[in-house]
């Protein structure tokens, strides 16, 4: 077993923000290995690794990480759009994947996933088509 990590790359023309999901209050979200105490925004072209530390006896599961990806910091009560996601092991493939998603407003970014393994994956953000 290893800790799950999501390699996030921003290819959008504006920032992509990464935030801890408040519904996962017992989770310590890590961005580039440090606890994410506040929202962190990636400038266009920037990258970050997002993940958590797991206990030694943690089994692969569908709901491992709760994280919000947004097009601004004010996704709670402001105008920013966001994806409130759950990342874990896909029940059919066993690979790390977005296993649940709730969209908040209409984000001006969209994402794709790739290079999935059991404990890592890439998420790439680009400008939304809409």
N, C-alpha and C. Protein backbone atom coordinates (compact mmCIF):
# COMPACT_ATOMS: atom_id res chain seq x y z
N UNK A 1 0.84 -1.17 0.00
CA UNK A 1 0.00 0.00 0.00
C UNK A 1 0.89 1.24 0.00
N UNK A 2 0.39 2.28 -0.64
CA UNK A 2 1.09 3.54 -0.70
C UNK A 2 0.06 4.67 -0.56
N UNK A 3 0.50 5.87 -0.42
CA UNK A 3 -0.42 7.01 -0.32
C UNK A 3 -0.87 7.42 -1.71
N UNK A 4 -2.16 7.73 -1.88
CA UNK A 4 -2.65 8.16 -3.19
C UNK A 4 -2.18 9.58 -3.50
N UNK A 5 -1.85 9.81 -4.78
CA UNK A 5 -1.43 11.14 -5.20
C UNK A 5 -2.04 11.44 -6.57
N UNK A 6 -2.53 12.67 -6.70
CA UNK A 6 -3.10 13.16 -7.94
C UNK A 6 -2.19 14.28 -8.44
N UNK A 7 -1.63 14.11 -9.62
CA UNK A 7 -0.76 15.12 -10.23
C UNK A 7 -1.66 16.07 -11.02
N UNK A 8 -1.78 17.30 -10.55
CA UNK A 8 -2.69 18.29 -11.14
C UNK A 8 -1.87 19.28 -11.98
N UNK A 9 -2.31 19.49 -13.21
CA UNK A 9 -1.67 20.46 -14.10
C UNK A 9 -2.72 21.42 -14.62
N UNK A 10 -2.41 22.71 -14.57
CA UNK A 10 -3.33 23.74 -15.04
C UNK A 10 -2.90 24.22 -16.43
N UNK A 11 -3.66 23.80 -17.44
CA UNK A 11 -3.44 24.29 -18.80
C UNK A 11 -4.53 25.29 -19.20
N UNK A 12 -5.33 25.74 -18.24
CA UNK A 12 -6.37 26.75 -18.50
C UNK A 12 -5.72 28.12 -18.62
N UNK A 13 -6.47 29.07 -19.10
CA UNK A 13 -5.93 30.43 -19.27
C UNK A 13 -6.02 31.25 -17.99
N UNK A 14 -6.57 30.69 -16.94
CA UNK A 14 -6.66 31.37 -15.64
C UNK A 14 -6.44 30.36 -14.53
N UNK A 15 -6.47 30.79 -13.31
CA UNK A 15 -6.10 29.93 -12.18
C UNK A 15 -7.10 28.79 -11.95
N UNK A 16 -6.58 27.74 -11.34
CA UNK A 16 -7.37 26.61 -10.84
C UNK A 16 -7.06 26.51 -9.35
N UNK A 17 -8.10 26.55 -8.53
CA UNK A 17 -7.92 26.53 -7.07
C UNK A 17 -8.23 25.14 -6.51
N UNK A 18 -7.47 24.75 -5.51
CA UNK A 18 -7.60 23.45 -4.86
C UNK A 18 -7.94 23.71 -3.40
N UNK A 19 -9.02 23.08 -2.93
CA UNK A 19 -9.47 23.32 -1.56
C UNK A 19 -9.88 22.02 -0.88
N UNK A 20 -9.70 21.98 0.40
CA UNK A 20 -10.18 20.89 1.25
C UNK A 20 -11.70 20.90 1.24
N UNK A 21 -12.32 19.75 1.10
CA UNK A 21 -13.77 19.64 1.15
C UNK A 21 -14.21 19.63 2.61
N UNK A 22 -15.02 20.60 3.05
CA UNK A 22 -15.41 20.65 4.46
C UNK A 22 -16.23 19.45 4.91
N UNK A 23 -16.81 18.69 3.99
CA UNK A 23 -17.54 17.48 4.36
C UNK A 23 -16.59 16.36 4.81
N UNK A 24 -15.32 16.53 4.55
CA UNK A 24 -14.30 15.55 4.92
C UNK A 24 -13.45 16.13 6.05
N UNK A 25 -14.09 16.51 7.14
CA UNK A 25 -13.42 17.24 8.22
C UNK A 25 -12.37 16.41 8.97
N UNK A 26 -12.40 15.09 8.83
CA UNK A 26 -11.39 14.26 9.50
C UNK A 26 -10.20 13.95 8.59
N UNK A 27 -10.18 14.51 7.40
CA UNK A 27 -9.12 14.28 6.42
C UNK A 27 -8.13 15.44 6.41
N UNK A 28 -6.86 15.13 6.30
CA UNK A 28 -5.84 16.15 6.11
C UNK A 28 -5.42 16.10 4.64
N UNK A 29 -5.92 17.05 3.86
CA UNK A 29 -5.58 17.14 2.45
C UNK A 29 -4.18 17.71 2.33
N UNK A 30 -3.37 17.09 1.48
CA UNK A 30 -2.00 17.55 1.25
C UNK A 30 -1.87 18.12 -0.16
N UNK A 31 -1.23 19.27 -0.26
CA UNK A 31 -0.88 19.85 -1.56
C UNK A 31 0.63 20.02 -1.54
N UNK A 32 1.28 19.33 -2.46
CA UNK A 32 2.74 19.29 -2.51
C UNK A 32 3.35 18.88 -1.17
N UNK A 33 2.70 17.90 -0.52
CA UNK A 33 3.23 17.33 0.71
C UNK A 33 2.93 18.10 1.98
N UNK A 34 2.25 19.24 1.86
CA UNK A 34 1.94 20.06 3.04
C UNK A 34 0.43 20.12 3.26
N UNK A 35 0.04 20.15 4.52
CA UNK A 35 -1.39 20.25 4.84
C UNK A 35 -1.99 21.50 4.23
N UNK A 36 -3.11 21.33 3.54
CA UNK A 36 -3.79 22.44 2.88
C UNK A 36 -4.73 23.11 3.88
N UNK A 37 -4.24 24.11 4.55
CA UNK A 37 -5.02 24.82 5.56
C UNK A 37 -5.94 25.86 4.93
N UNK A 38 -5.63 26.27 3.72
CA UNK A 38 -6.48 27.22 2.98
C UNK A 38 -6.42 26.86 1.51
N UNK A 39 -7.26 27.49 0.73
CA UNK A 39 -7.33 27.24 -0.70
C UNK A 39 -6.02 27.65 -1.37
N UNK A 40 -5.53 26.79 -2.24
CA UNK A 40 -4.31 27.07 -2.99
C UNK A 40 -4.66 27.16 -4.47
N UNK A 41 -4.22 28.22 -5.13
CA UNK A 41 -4.53 28.41 -6.54
C UNK A 41 -3.28 28.20 -7.39
N UNK A 42 -3.47 27.53 -8.51
CA UNK A 42 -2.40 27.28 -9.46
C UNK A 42 -2.54 28.24 -10.63
N UNK A 43 -1.50 28.97 -10.92
CA UNK A 43 -1.49 29.86 -12.08
C UNK A 43 -1.48 29.01 -13.35
N UNK A 44 -1.83 29.62 -14.48
CA UNK A 44 -1.72 28.88 -15.75
C UNK A 44 -0.32 28.31 -15.91
N UNK A 45 -0.25 27.03 -16.29
CA UNK A 45 1.02 26.35 -16.47
C UNK A 45 1.59 25.71 -15.22
N UNK A 46 1.01 25.97 -14.06
CA UNK A 46 1.52 25.43 -12.80
C UNK A 46 1.02 24.01 -12.55
N UNK A 47 1.72 23.32 -11.67
CA UNK A 47 1.38 21.95 -11.29
C UNK A 47 1.43 21.79 -9.77
N UNK A 48 0.73 20.78 -9.27
CA UNK A 48 0.79 20.45 -7.85
C UNK A 48 0.42 18.98 -7.68
N UNK A 49 0.89 18.39 -6.60
CA UNK A 49 0.49 17.04 -6.22
C UNK A 49 -0.48 17.14 -5.06
N UNK A 50 -1.62 16.47 -5.20
CA UNK A 50 -2.68 16.49 -4.19
C UNK A 50 -2.85 15.07 -3.68
N UNK A 51 -2.99 14.92 -2.37
CA UNK A 51 -3.17 13.58 -1.82
C UNK A 51 -3.47 13.60 -0.34
N UNK A 52 -3.36 12.44 0.26
CA UNK A 52 -3.52 12.26 1.70
C UNK A 52 -2.53 11.19 2.14
N UNK A 53 -2.32 11.10 3.44
CA UNK A 53 -1.51 10.02 4.00
C UNK A 53 -2.48 8.98 4.56
N UNK A 54 -2.20 7.75 4.24
CA UNK A 54 -3.06 6.66 4.70
C UNK A 54 -2.37 5.87 5.80
N UNK A 55 -3.18 5.24 6.63
CA UNK A 55 -2.64 4.34 7.63
C UNK A 55 -2.13 3.07 6.97
N UNK A 56 -1.27 2.37 7.64
CA UNK A 56 -0.64 1.16 7.08
C UNK A 56 -1.66 0.09 6.72
N UNK A 57 -2.79 0.04 7.41
CA UNK A 57 -3.77 -1.01 7.16
C UNK A 57 -4.93 -0.56 6.27
N UNK A 58 -4.81 0.59 5.61
CA UNK A 58 -5.87 1.09 4.75
C UNK A 58 -5.94 0.28 3.46
N UNK A 59 -7.12 -0.19 3.15
CA UNK A 59 -7.36 -0.95 1.92
C UNK A 59 -7.80 0.00 0.82
N UNK A 60 -7.57 -0.36 -0.45
CA UNK A 60 -8.11 0.45 -1.54
C UNK A 60 -9.63 0.57 -1.39
N UNK A 61 -10.14 1.79 -1.58
CA UNK A 61 -11.58 2.00 -1.48
C UNK A 61 -12.03 3.09 -2.43
N UNK A 62 -13.32 3.13 -2.67
CA UNK A 62 -13.90 4.04 -3.65
C UNK A 62 -13.88 5.49 -3.19
N UNK A 63 -13.90 5.72 -1.89
CA UNK A 63 -13.98 7.08 -1.35
C UNK A 63 -12.78 7.35 -0.45
N UNK A 64 -11.68 7.85 -1.03
CA UNK A 64 -10.46 8.11 -0.28
C UNK A 64 -10.21 9.58 0.00
N UNK A 65 -10.39 10.43 -1.02
CA UNK A 65 -10.01 11.83 -0.92
C UNK A 65 -11.21 12.71 -1.28
N UNK A 66 -11.48 13.71 -0.46
CA UNK A 66 -12.48 14.72 -0.79
C UNK A 66 -11.77 16.02 -1.10
N UNK A 67 -11.92 16.52 -2.31
CA UNK A 67 -11.20 17.73 -2.71
C UNK A 67 -12.06 18.54 -3.68
N UNK A 68 -11.93 19.85 -3.59
CA UNK A 68 -12.66 20.76 -4.46
C UNK A 68 -11.67 21.43 -5.41
N UNK A 69 -12.01 21.41 -6.69
CA UNK A 69 -11.25 22.12 -7.72
C UNK A 69 -12.15 23.22 -8.26
N UNK A 70 -11.69 24.47 -8.23
CA UNK A 70 -12.54 25.60 -8.58
C UNK A 70 -11.81 26.59 -9.49
N UNK A 71 -12.59 27.47 -10.10
CA UNK A 71 -12.00 28.50 -10.94
C UNK A 71 -11.82 29.81 -10.18
N UNK A 72 -11.97 29.77 -8.87
CA UNK A 72 -11.75 30.92 -8.00
C UNK A 72 -11.91 30.50 -6.55
N UNK A 73 -11.48 31.36 -5.64
CA UNK A 73 -11.56 31.03 -4.21
C UNK A 73 -12.96 31.16 -3.63
N UNK A 74 -13.84 31.91 -4.27
CA UNK A 74 -15.16 32.20 -3.70
C UNK A 74 -16.24 31.23 -4.18
N UNK A 75 -15.94 29.93 -4.17
CA UNK A 75 -16.90 28.93 -4.63
C UNK A 75 -17.99 28.63 -3.62
N UNK A 76 -17.76 28.94 -2.33
CA UNK A 76 -18.78 28.68 -1.32
C UNK A 76 -20.01 29.55 -1.51
N UNK A 77 -19.82 30.85 -1.51
CA UNK A 77 -20.96 31.77 -1.58
C UNK A 77 -20.80 32.82 -2.67
N UNK A 78 -19.74 32.73 -3.45
CA UNK A 78 -19.47 33.73 -4.47
C UNK A 78 -19.86 33.26 -5.86
N UNK A 79 -19.11 33.72 -6.83
CA UNK A 79 -19.42 33.45 -8.23
C UNK A 79 -18.62 32.31 -8.84
N UNK A 80 -17.60 31.86 -8.18
CA UNK A 80 -16.73 30.83 -8.77
C UNK A 80 -17.48 29.52 -8.95
N UNK A 81 -17.13 28.82 -10.01
CA UNK A 81 -17.65 27.48 -10.25
C UNK A 81 -16.64 26.46 -9.74
N UNK A 82 -17.13 25.26 -9.43
CA UNK A 82 -16.23 24.26 -8.85
C UNK A 82 -16.72 22.85 -9.10
N UNK A 83 -15.79 21.92 -8.94
CA UNK A 83 -16.09 20.49 -8.92
C UNK A 83 -15.78 19.99 -7.51
N UNK A 84 -16.80 19.54 -6.82
CA UNK A 84 -16.62 18.93 -5.50
C UNK A 84 -16.49 17.44 -5.77
N UNK A 85 -15.28 16.91 -5.60
CA UNK A 85 -15.00 15.55 -6.05
C UNK A 85 -14.63 14.61 -4.92
N UNK A 86 -14.85 13.35 -5.20
CA UNK A 86 -14.32 12.27 -4.38
C UNK A 86 -13.39 11.47 -5.29
N UNK A 87 -12.21 11.19 -4.80
CA UNK A 87 -11.23 10.43 -5.55
C UNK A 87 -10.94 9.16 -4.78
N UNK A 88 -10.96 8.06 -5.48
CA UNK A 88 -10.68 6.76 -4.86
C UNK A 88 -10.47 5.72 -5.94
N UNK A 89 -10.61 4.48 -5.56
CA UNK A 89 -10.39 3.38 -6.49
C UNK A 89 -11.69 3.06 -7.22
N UNK A 90 -11.62 3.10 -8.55
CA UNK A 90 -12.79 2.80 -9.36
C UNK A 90 -13.21 1.36 -9.07
N UNK A 91 -14.51 1.14 -8.80
CA UNK A 91 -14.94 -0.20 -8.38
C UNK A 91 -14.72 -1.29 -9.44
N UNK A 92 -14.69 -0.92 -10.72
CA UNK A 92 -14.51 -1.92 -11.77
C UNK A 92 -13.05 -2.16 -12.13
N UNK A 93 -12.24 -1.10 -12.12
CA UNK A 93 -10.85 -1.23 -12.58
C UNK A 93 -9.84 -1.31 -11.45
N UNK A 94 -10.18 -0.79 -10.28
CA UNK A 94 -9.24 -0.73 -9.17
C UNK A 94 -8.23 0.40 -9.30
N UNK A 95 -8.35 1.21 -10.37
CA UNK A 95 -7.43 2.32 -10.58
C UNK A 95 -7.94 3.57 -9.88
N UNK A 96 -7.03 4.47 -9.51
CA UNK A 96 -7.41 5.74 -8.90
C UNK A 96 -8.21 6.54 -9.93
N UNK A 97 -9.33 7.13 -9.49
CA UNK A 97 -10.23 7.83 -10.40
C UNK A 97 -11.10 8.80 -9.61
N UNK A 98 -11.76 9.71 -10.31
CA UNK A 98 -12.81 10.52 -9.71
C UNK A 98 -14.02 9.60 -9.61
N UNK A 99 -14.43 9.29 -8.39
CA UNK A 99 -15.51 8.32 -8.18
C UNK A 99 -16.84 8.99 -7.86
N UNK A 100 -16.82 10.28 -7.60
CA UNK A 100 -18.06 11.03 -7.38
C UNK A 100 -17.75 12.50 -7.65
N UNK A 101 -18.75 13.21 -8.17
CA UNK A 101 -18.55 14.62 -8.50
C UNK A 101 -19.86 15.37 -8.36
N UNK A 102 -19.78 16.54 -7.76
CA UNK A 102 -20.91 17.47 -7.69
C UNK A 102 -20.40 18.79 -8.27
N UNK A 103 -21.12 19.33 -9.24
CA UNK A 103 -20.71 20.59 -9.86
C UNK A 103 -21.39 21.76 -9.14
N UNK A 104 -20.60 22.76 -8.80
CA UNK A 104 -21.09 23.99 -8.17
C UNK A 104 -21.04 25.08 -9.23
N UNK A 105 -22.19 25.62 -9.56
CA UNK A 105 -22.30 26.58 -10.66
C UNK A 105 -21.66 26.01 -11.93
N UNK A 106 -21.26 26.82 -12.84
CA UNK A 106 -20.66 26.35 -14.10
C UNK A 106 -19.18 26.73 -14.12
N UNK A 107 -18.29 25.83 -13.75
CA UNK A 107 -16.87 26.15 -13.75
C UNK A 107 -16.39 26.57 -15.14
N UNK A 108 -15.47 27.51 -15.18
CA UNK A 108 -14.90 27.94 -16.46
C UNK A 108 -13.72 27.06 -16.85
N UNK A 109 -13.50 25.99 -16.09
CA UNK A 109 -12.48 25.00 -16.41
C UNK A 109 -13.14 23.62 -16.46
N UNK A 110 -12.51 22.72 -17.17
CA UNK A 110 -12.92 21.32 -17.16
C UNK A 110 -11.67 20.47 -17.02
N UNK A 111 -11.86 19.23 -16.60
CA UNK A 111 -10.69 18.39 -16.36
C UNK A 111 -10.80 17.07 -17.11
N UNK A 112 -9.66 16.46 -17.29
CA UNK A 112 -9.59 15.09 -17.79
C UNK A 112 -8.60 14.36 -16.90
N UNK A 113 -8.73 13.05 -16.86
CA UNK A 113 -7.82 12.23 -16.07
C UNK A 113 -7.04 11.31 -16.99
N UNK A 114 -5.89 10.88 -16.54
CA UNK A 114 -5.07 9.97 -17.34
C UNK A 114 -3.96 9.37 -16.51
N UNK A 115 -3.18 8.51 -17.14
CA UNK A 115 -2.05 7.85 -16.49
C UNK A 115 -2.44 7.27 -15.13
N UNK A 116 -3.59 6.62 -15.09
CA UNK A 116 -4.10 6.09 -13.83
C UNK A 116 -3.42 4.78 -13.45
N UNK A 117 -3.01 4.70 -12.19
CA UNK A 117 -2.52 3.46 -11.59
C UNK A 117 -3.37 3.23 -10.34
N UNK A 118 -3.05 2.24 -9.58
CA UNK A 118 -3.82 1.99 -8.36
C UNK A 118 -3.69 3.14 -7.36
N UNK A 119 -2.54 3.82 -7.33
CA UNK A 119 -2.32 4.83 -6.31
C UNK A 119 -1.99 6.22 -6.84
N UNK A 120 -2.06 6.43 -8.16
CA UNK A 120 -1.80 7.76 -8.70
C UNK A 120 -2.58 8.00 -9.98
N UNK A 121 -2.75 9.26 -10.32
CA UNK A 121 -3.37 9.63 -11.59
C UNK A 121 -3.04 11.08 -11.89
N UNK A 122 -3.20 11.45 -13.14
CA UNK A 122 -3.04 12.84 -13.58
C UNK A 122 -4.41 13.46 -13.76
N UNK A 123 -4.54 14.73 -13.37
CA UNK A 123 -5.73 15.53 -13.68
C UNK A 123 -5.22 16.77 -14.40
N UNK A 124 -5.74 17.01 -15.58
CA UNK A 124 -5.34 18.16 -16.37
C UNK A 124 -6.54 19.07 -16.56
N UNK A 125 -6.36 20.35 -16.24
CA UNK A 125 -7.43 21.33 -16.37
C UNK A 125 -7.19 22.22 -17.58
N UNK A 126 -8.26 22.46 -18.34
CA UNK A 126 -8.24 23.36 -19.49
C UNK A 126 -9.46 24.26 -19.41
N UNK A 127 -9.51 25.27 -20.28
CA UNK A 127 -10.69 26.13 -20.33
C UNK A 127 -11.91 25.31 -20.73
N UNK A 128 -13.05 25.62 -20.12
CA UNK A 128 -14.29 24.93 -20.41
C UNK A 128 -14.80 25.30 -21.79
N UNK A 129 -15.49 24.37 -22.42
CA UNK A 129 -16.08 24.62 -23.74
C UNK A 129 -17.29 25.54 -23.66
N UNK A 130 -17.92 25.62 -22.50
CA UNK A 130 -19.15 26.40 -22.39
C UNK A 130 -18.91 27.83 -22.04
